[in-house]
Amino acid sequence: MARRKTRTSGPSGESLRIARTIVYYEACLDSEVPHAMARELWAHDMTTPFAAGEHVSVEAARLLEARARREAAQP
């Protein structure tokens, strides 16, 4: 019998990757995002959660990841 994904298990890895990519593009279209931050986000592997770095603050990474998770959870 095939196992079904339960709603409590959260969004799939693929939907999170897509949501992170969308959030990345939306963030980079924002004129307030510095070029250095956009470049660092571009180098990010979208299969892993956003993380702080040299040009990405902890708060910015947390907000981007939270936004991506909200996007991925939408039906």
N, C-alpha and C. Protein backbone atom coordinates (compact mmCIF):
# COMPACT_ATOMS: atom_id res chain seq x y z
N MET A 1 0.85 -1.17 0.00
CA MET A 1 0.00 0.00 0.00
C MET A 1 0.90 1.24 0.00
N ALA A 2 0.57 2.19 -0.82
CA ALA A 2 1.37 3.41 -0.93
C ALA A 2 1.14 4.31 0.27
N ARG A 3 2.23 4.95 0.70
CA ARG A 3 2.12 5.90 1.81
C ARG A 3 1.70 7.25 1.27
N ARG A 4 0.81 7.88 1.99
CA ARG A 4 0.38 9.21 1.59
C ARG A 4 1.04 10.24 2.48
N LYS A 5 1.36 11.37 1.89
CA LYS A 5 1.93 12.46 2.67
C LYS A 5 0.83 13.08 3.52
N THR A 6 1.10 13.24 4.79
CA THR A 6 0.11 13.84 5.66
C THR A 6 0.29 15.34 5.68
N ARG A 7 -0.79 16.03 5.95
CA ARG A 7 -0.77 17.49 5.98
C ARG A 7 0.18 18.02 7.06
N THR A 8 0.36 17.28 8.15
CA THR A 8 1.20 17.74 9.24
C THR A 8 2.69 17.68 8.90
N SER A 9 3.04 16.98 7.84
CA SER A 9 4.46 16.86 7.52
C SER A 9 5.02 18.10 6.84
N GLY A 10 4.17 19.04 6.46
CA GLY A 10 4.62 20.29 5.88
C GLY A 10 4.87 20.20 4.39
N PRO A 11 5.34 21.31 3.82
CA PRO A 11 5.56 21.35 2.37
C PRO A 11 6.73 20.45 1.95
N SER A 12 6.67 19.99 0.72
CA SER A 12 7.74 19.13 0.22
C SER A 12 9.00 19.94 -0.04
N GLY A 13 10.11 19.25 -0.16
CA GLY A 13 11.38 19.91 -0.45
C GLY A 13 11.34 20.66 -1.76
N GLU A 14 10.65 20.09 -2.74
CA GLU A 14 10.55 20.73 -4.06
C GLU A 14 9.74 22.02 -3.98
N SER A 15 8.63 21.99 -3.24
CA SER A 15 7.82 23.22 -3.12
C SER A 15 8.58 24.29 -2.35
N LEU A 16 9.38 23.89 -1.36
CA LEU A 16 10.21 24.88 -0.64
C LEU A 16 11.28 25.46 -1.56
N ARG A 17 11.89 24.63 -2.40
CA ARG A 17 12.91 25.13 -3.32
C ARG A 17 12.31 26.16 -4.28
N ILE A 18 11.13 25.85 -4.79
CA ILE A 18 10.46 26.78 -5.70
C ILE A 18 10.09 28.06 -4.97
N ALA A 19 9.55 27.93 -3.76
CA ALA A 19 9.17 29.11 -2.98
C ALA A 19 10.38 29.96 -2.64
N ARG A 20 11.51 29.33 -2.29
CA ARG A 20 12.72 30.09 -2.00
C ARG A 20 13.21 30.85 -3.24
N THR A 21 13.08 30.23 -4.40
CA THR A 21 13.49 30.89 -5.64
C THR A 21 12.61 32.10 -5.92
N ILE A 22 11.30 31.94 -5.72
CA ILE A 22 10.38 33.06 -5.92
C ILE A 22 10.67 34.18 -4.95
N VAL A 23 10.88 33.83 -3.69
CA VAL A 23 11.19 34.84 -2.66
C VAL A 23 12.50 35.55 -3.00
N TYR A 24 13.48 34.80 -3.49
CA TYR A 24 14.76 35.40 -3.90
C TYR A 24 14.51 36.45 -4.99
N TYR A 25 13.77 36.09 -6.03
CA TYR A 25 13.52 37.02 -7.13
C TYR A 25 12.74 38.24 -6.66
N GLU A 26 11.75 38.04 -5.80
CA GLU A 26 10.99 39.17 -5.27
C GLU A 26 11.88 40.09 -4.45
N ALA A 27 12.77 39.51 -3.64
CA ALA A 27 13.68 40.31 -2.82
C ALA A 27 14.64 41.11 -3.70
N CYS A 28 15.13 40.50 -4.75
CA CYS A 28 16.10 41.18 -5.60
C CYS A 28 15.47 42.25 -6.47
N LEU A 29 14.16 42.18 -6.67
CA LEU A 29 13.47 43.24 -7.41
C LEU A 29 13.24 44.47 -6.53
N ASP A 30 13.37 44.30 -5.22
CA ASP A 30 13.21 45.40 -4.28
C ASP A 30 14.43 46.31 -4.39
N SER A 31 14.19 47.59 -4.64
CA SER A 31 15.30 48.53 -4.84
C SER A 31 16.12 48.74 -3.57
N GLU A 32 15.58 48.33 -2.43
CA GLU A 32 16.29 48.49 -1.16
C GLU A 32 17.36 47.42 -0.93
N VAL A 33 17.31 46.34 -1.69
CA VAL A 33 18.27 45.24 -1.50
C VAL A 33 19.59 45.60 -2.19
N PRO A 34 20.67 45.70 -1.43
CA PRO A 34 21.97 46.02 -2.03
C PRO A 34 22.45 44.91 -2.97
N HIS A 35 23.23 45.30 -3.95
CA HIS A 35 23.75 44.38 -4.95
C HIS A 35 24.52 43.23 -4.30
N ALA A 36 25.32 43.53 -3.29
CA ALA A 36 26.12 42.49 -2.62
C ALA A 36 25.23 41.44 -1.98
N MET A 37 24.13 41.88 -1.39
CA MET A 37 23.20 40.93 -0.77
C MET A 37 22.53 40.07 -1.84
N ALA A 38 22.12 40.69 -2.94
CA ALA A 38 21.49 39.94 -4.03
C ALA A 38 22.45 38.89 -4.60
N ARG A 39 23.72 39.25 -4.74
CA ARG A 39 24.71 38.29 -5.26
C ARG A 39 24.88 37.12 -4.30
N GLU A 40 24.91 37.42 -2.99
CA GLU A 40 25.06 36.34 -2.01
C GLU A 40 23.83 35.43 -2.01
N LEU A 41 22.65 36.01 -2.14
CA LEU A 41 21.43 35.20 -2.22
C LEU A 41 21.42 34.36 -3.49
N TRP A 42 21.93 34.90 -4.59
CA TRP A 42 21.99 34.17 -5.85
C TRP A 42 22.85 32.92 -5.70
N ALA A 43 23.93 33.02 -4.95
CA ALA A 43 24.84 31.90 -4.76
C ALA A 43 24.27 30.85 -3.81
N HIS A 44 23.18 31.19 -3.12
CA HIS A 44 22.58 30.28 -2.15
C HIS A 44 21.95 29.08 -2.84
N ASP A 45 22.12 27.91 -2.25
CA ASP A 45 21.48 26.69 -2.75
C ASP A 45 20.03 26.69 -2.27
N MET A 46 19.11 26.83 -3.18
CA MET A 46 17.70 26.99 -2.81
C MET A 46 17.08 25.74 -2.20
N THR A 47 17.83 24.64 -2.11
CA THR A 47 17.31 23.44 -1.46
C THR A 47 17.53 23.48 0.05
N THR A 48 18.24 24.48 0.53
CA THR A 48 18.49 24.62 1.97
C THR A 48 17.90 25.95 2.46
N PRO A 49 17.58 26.05 3.74
CA PRO A 49 17.01 27.29 4.26
C PRO A 49 17.96 28.47 4.06
N PHE A 50 17.38 29.66 3.90
CA PHE A 50 18.19 30.87 3.81
C PHE A 50 19.00 31.01 5.10
N ALA A 51 20.24 31.46 4.97
CA ALA A 51 21.11 31.59 6.13
C ALA A 51 21.84 32.92 6.07
N ALA A 52 22.27 33.38 7.23
CA ALA A 52 23.03 34.62 7.31
C ALA A 52 24.40 34.42 6.67
N GLY A 53 24.97 35.50 6.22
CA GLY A 53 26.28 35.45 5.60
C GLY A 53 26.98 36.79 5.73
N GLU A 54 27.92 37.02 4.85
CA GLU A 54 28.68 38.26 4.89
C GLU A 54 27.80 39.48 4.62
N HIS A 55 26.86 39.35 3.68
CA HIS A 55 26.00 40.48 3.30
C HIS A 55 24.53 40.27 3.64
N VAL A 56 24.20 39.10 4.17
CA VAL A 56 22.82 38.79 4.55
C VAL A 56 22.77 38.68 6.07
N SER A 57 21.97 39.54 6.68
CA SER A 57 21.89 39.52 8.14
C SER A 57 21.06 38.33 8.61
N VAL A 58 21.19 38.02 9.88
CA VAL A 58 20.41 36.93 10.48
C VAL A 58 18.92 37.24 10.35
N GLU A 59 18.54 38.46 10.62
CA GLU A 59 17.14 38.87 10.53
C GLU A 59 16.61 38.75 9.10
N ALA A 60 17.39 39.20 8.12
CA ALA A 60 16.97 39.12 6.72
C ALA A 60 16.80 37.66 6.30
N ALA A 61 17.72 36.80 6.68
CA ALA A 61 17.64 35.39 6.33
C ALA A 61 16.41 34.76 6.98
N ARG A 62 16.15 35.10 8.22
CA ARG A 62 14.99 34.57 8.93
C ARG A 62 13.69 35.01 8.25
N LEU A 63 13.60 36.27 7.88
CA LEU A 63 12.40 36.78 7.21
C LEU A 63 12.19 36.14 5.84
N LEU A 64 13.26 35.99 5.08
CA LEU A 64 13.16 35.36 3.76
C LEU A 64 12.71 33.91 3.88
N GLU A 65 13.28 33.19 4.84
CA GLU A 65 12.90 31.78 5.02
C GLU A 65 11.45 31.66 5.48
N ALA A 66 11.03 32.53 6.39
CA ALA A 66 9.64 32.49 6.86
C ALA A 66 8.68 32.77 5.71
N ARG A 67 9.04 33.72 4.86
CA ARG A 67 8.20 34.05 3.70
C ARG A 67 8.14 32.86 2.72
N ALA A 68 9.26 32.22 2.49
CA ALA A 68 9.30 31.06 1.59
C ALA A 68 8.45 29.93 2.14
N ARG A 69 8.50 29.70 3.44
CA ARG A 69 7.71 28.63 4.04
C ARG A 69 6.22 28.93 3.96
N ARG A 70 5.85 30.20 4.13
CA ARG A 70 4.43 30.58 3.98
C ARG A 70 3.97 30.34 2.53
N GLU A 71 4.82 30.75 1.58
CA GLU A 71 4.49 30.55 0.15
C GLU A 71 4.34 29.06 -0.17
N ALA A 72 5.24 28.25 0.35
CA ALA A 72 5.21 26.81 0.05
C ALA A 72 4.01 26.12 0.68
N ALA A 73 3.52 26.65 1.79
CA ALA A 73 2.40 26.03 2.49
C ALA A 73 1.06 26.35 1.86
N GLN A 74 1.01 27.35 0.99
CA GLN A 74 -0.25 27.71 0.34
C GLN A 74 -0.65 26.64 -0.66
N PRO A 75 -1.94 26.32 -0.70
CA PRO A 75 -2.39 25.28 -1.63
C PRO A 75 -2.33 25.72 -3.07
